Amino acid sequence: MLLISPCGFPEFDYFGPMVQYFQFFARKLGWRYMGEILRPGGESLCDEQYQEMFGWYYNLVHQAGEQLINQGLITPEVQAGLRQDLFPGGPEAFRNEGNNYWMATMAKFGLTGKPPGQG
């Protein structure tokens, strides 16, 4: 069993309960748990303006796929690479990008207001 999942939030800890459940489920079924590819802030991967910046991540996903086919697992080194923050500056930089996008979209439609969760 391999778990692949995106998440809108920028932190990895949101995946914890799901990973534990899938590991448990694999054990109960007698299946081998091959690992996971988890991506917080995954929606950013669809944004054309970031494609060049995320090349390193796409390369790691490709390596993970090759390892799964050839070795049946993702090496700890590639797994660690996949867990790196997409945005330099970590979750805070991700939130800032999201807030900037929110404010630009609001301004585009002549609206005012703070981003969700900002009061």
Protein backbone atom coordinates (compact mmCIF):
# COMPACT_ATOMS: atom_id res chain seq x y z
CA MET A 1 0.00 0.00 0.00
CA LEU A 2 1.25 3.47 -0.90
CA LEU A 3 -0.40 6.61 0.42
CA ILE A 4 -0.35 9.70 -1.79
CA SER A 5 -2.14 12.76 -0.48
CA PRO A 6 -2.16 16.54 -0.83
CA CYS A 7 -3.34 18.96 1.83
CA GLY A 8 -4.26 22.63 1.61
CA PHE A 9 -2.59 23.51 4.90
CA PRO A 10 1.18 24.14 4.84
CA GLU A 11 2.19 21.81 7.71
CA PHE A 12 2.90 18.08 7.58
CA ASP A 13 1.38 17.35 10.98
CA TYR A 14 -2.14 17.41 9.50
CA PHE A 15 -1.33 14.08 7.85
CA GLY A 16 -0.48 12.24 11.09
CA PRO A 17 -3.82 10.55 11.82
CA MET A 18 -4.32 9.55 8.18
CA VAL A 19 -0.84 8.01 7.92
CA GLN A 20 -1.40 6.07 11.14
CA TYR A 21 -4.74 4.79 9.85
CA PHE A 22 -3.27 3.63 6.52
CA GLN A 23 -0.39 1.89 8.29
CA PHE A 24 -2.88 0.17 10.60
CA PHE A 25 -5.13 -0.77 7.69
CA ALA A 26 -2.21 -2.26 5.72
CA ARG A 27 -1.17 -4.34 8.76
CA LYS A 28 -4.72 -5.61 9.28
CA LEU A 29 -4.98 -6.68 5.64
CA GLY A 30 -1.51 -8.24 5.68
CA TRP A 31 -0.28 -5.82 3.05
CA ARG A 32 3.16 -4.26 2.94
CA TYR A 33 3.08 -0.52 3.61
CA MET A 34 5.44 1.02 1.05
CA GLY A 35 5.36 4.57 2.40
CA GLU A 36 3.77 7.82 1.53
CA ILE A 37 4.10 10.89 -0.63
CA LEU A 38 2.47 13.73 1.27
CA ARG A 39 2.30 17.31 0.09
CA PRO A 40 1.04 20.10 2.30
CA GLY A 41 0.21 23.25 0.39
CA GLY A 42 -0.33 21.01 -2.62
CA GLU A 43 -2.58 23.40 -4.50
CA SER A 44 0.49 25.50 -5.26
CA LEU A 45 1.75 22.69 -7.50
CA CYS A 46 -1.06 23.53 -9.95
CA ASP A 47 -0.14 27.21 -10.17
CA GLU A 48 1.68 28.00 -13.40
CA GLN A 49 3.73 30.81 -11.85
CA TYR A 50 5.52 28.35 -9.52
CA GLN A 51 6.30 25.53 -11.97
CA GLU A 52 9.95 26.42 -12.48
CA MET A 53 10.49 26.90 -8.76
CA PHE A 54 9.12 23.40 -8.01
CA GLY A 55 11.31 21.50 -10.50
CA TRP A 56 13.36 20.02 -7.66
CA TYR A 57 10.17 18.57 -6.13
CA TYR A 58 8.95 17.03 -9.39
CA ASN A 59 12.38 15.40 -9.80
CA LEU A 60 12.06 13.85 -6.34
CA VAL A 61 8.56 12.54 -7.10
CA HIS A 62 9.99 10.97 -10.26
CA GLN A 63 12.82 9.39 -8.24
CA ALA A 64 10.29 8.09 -5.70
CA GLY A 65 8.29 6.46 -8.50
CA GLU A 66 11.38 4.80 -9.93
CA GLN A 67 12.37 3.54 -6.48
CA LEU A 68 8.89 2.13 -5.88
CA ILE A 69 9.02 0.25 -9.18
CA ASN A 70 12.59 -0.98 -8.82
CA GLN A 71 12.97 -1.46 -5.06
CA GLY A 72 9.42 -1.54 -3.69
CA LEU A 73 10.07 1.39 -1.37
CA ILE A 74 11.11 5.03 -1.25
CA THR A 75 14.57 5.51 0.26
CA PRO A 76 14.86 7.61 3.42
CA GLU A 77 16.89 10.21 1.48
CA VAL A 78 14.19 10.73 -1.14
CA GLN A 79 11.48 10.59 1.54
CA ALA A 80 13.29 13.37 3.45
CA GLY A 81 13.56 15.43 0.25
CA LEU A 82 9.84 15.06 -0.41
CA ARG A 83 9.17 16.47 3.06
CA GLN A 84 10.97 19.72 2.39
CA ASP A 85 8.92 22.91 2.31
CA LEU A 86 7.87 23.95 -1.18
CA PHE A 87 8.37 27.63 -0.45
CA PRO A 88 11.64 29.01 0.86
CA GLY A 89 10.70 30.31 4.28
CA GLY A 90 8.42 27.41 5.19
CA PRO A 91 4.78 27.57 6.26
CA GLU A 92 4.99 31.28 7.09
CA ALA A 93 6.07 32.10 3.53
CA PHE A 94 3.23 29.89 2.26
CA ARG A 95 0.72 31.82 4.38
CA ASN A 96 2.11 35.13 3.16
CA GLU A 97 1.71 34.00 -0.47
CA GLY A 98 -1.86 32.94 0.28
CA ASN A 99 -2.67 36.23 1.98
CA ASN A 100 -1.16 38.21 -0.91
CA TYR A 101 -3.25 36.20 -3.37
CA TRP A 102 -6.37 36.81 -1.28
CA MET A 103 -5.78 40.55 -1.10
CA ALA A 104 -5.03 40.81 -4.84
CA THR A 105 -8.19 38.87 -5.69
CA MET A 106 -10.28 41.04 -3.39
CA ALA A 107 -8.81 44.21 -4.91
CA LYS A 108 -9.46 42.88 -8.42
CA PHE A 109 -13.17 42.81 -7.64
CA GLY A 110 -13.14 46.09 -5.73
CA LEU A 111 -13.66 44.40 -2.36
CA THR A 112 -11.87 44.88 0.90
CA GLY A 113 -11.30 42.53 3.73
CA LYS A 114 -8.74 40.46 5.51
CA PRO A 115 -7.81 36.94 4.46
CA PRO A 116 -9.75 34.13 6.16
CA GLY A 117 -8.50 33.54 9.68
CA GLN A 118 -7.04 37.05 9.90
CA GLY A 119 -9.94 38.50 11.92
